[in-house]
Amino acid sequence: MRDTGPSVDREPKEGQPRHDLIRFMAGFLLLALLFMPWPRLAMAETLHVAAASNFRSTFTRLARLFEAQSGHRVLTSYASTGKLYAQVRAGAPYALFLAADKAYPDRLRREGLTVGSTVVYALGKLVLWHPEARPIEERGDTTLPALEKMQRLAISNPKTAPYGRAARETLISLGQWRRMQPRLIYGENVGQTLTFAASGNVEAGFVALSQVLDEEGDVRGHPWLVPEAHYRPIRQGAVLLRPSERQPAARTLMAFLISAPAREMIRRMGYGTPDLQEGRE
């Protein structure tokens, strides 16, 4: 029998070690990609915002633009300013409060629940509105509407809604507050007040101009723009709340709110905008 000698392992085929190295490097690269802290994903935040009902249609557009530009997500709760104020005091985790006036944000500042100063981001405009495209009946000797002929008039609750406060001041200025009180239908906020007016169950309602503009900025129905001499300026204030200390994106949203693109959109949606220096207080 022929001695074949001791067994010897075969030499690896040409190129095999290179293939193993390639597979190893590919696996390593895949793991690196999976665990890499991508800047956009790592920095993306979800911001909880409290916003007054009158600003709903405008802020919906602003939030959409902000999300597209920043990668952050905005979740918004809408209600009357007074109700949102109460929620903040009760510990609601809002990072930013967009009120329908400046008084409530300033009150939160005095109570130590805010970060930084109040920023006036919009100047509200009050209208007396009817859903049909016909003029609200006016007195023969003046351009003021014939309020005394109305049997049901909707306004927001003056105790919690700044636009309701402005409506009450207007009625007082026109000498109609006492006469109209028994005929008033109160909405919890200006959004509900608009619903009352749109239903046709009241002759008209005091709402925000921004609420009766369509997508193109044209007026729906018939509004009577209340002269600003009849009510105190509606200076809508925004303020960062304590939870924003853990969310840098909240400051980014605040800065966006007074940026040129945001201010242009705010004006297009039926508001005035203050001088930038006046807006920071």
Foldseek 3Di string as FASTA:
>chain_A
DDDPDDDDDDDDDPPVVVVVVVVVVVVVVVVCVVPPCDVLVVQAEEAEEEAEPQCVVLVVVVQVVCCVVRVHHYHYDYFFQQVVLVVLVVPDLHFKYWHQAVVSVVVCVVVVFFDAFKFQLWWWWKWKFAQAQDEQDPDPVDPHHPVLPWQAEEAEDLVGHVLSVLVLLLCVLVVRNVSCVVRYDYDPYQVVSVVCRHVVPTRTYIHTQLVQADPQLDGGGDIDTRPCVSGPIRGIIMTGGPSCVVRVVSVVSVVSSNDPVNQVSSVSSRTHGDDRVVRTD
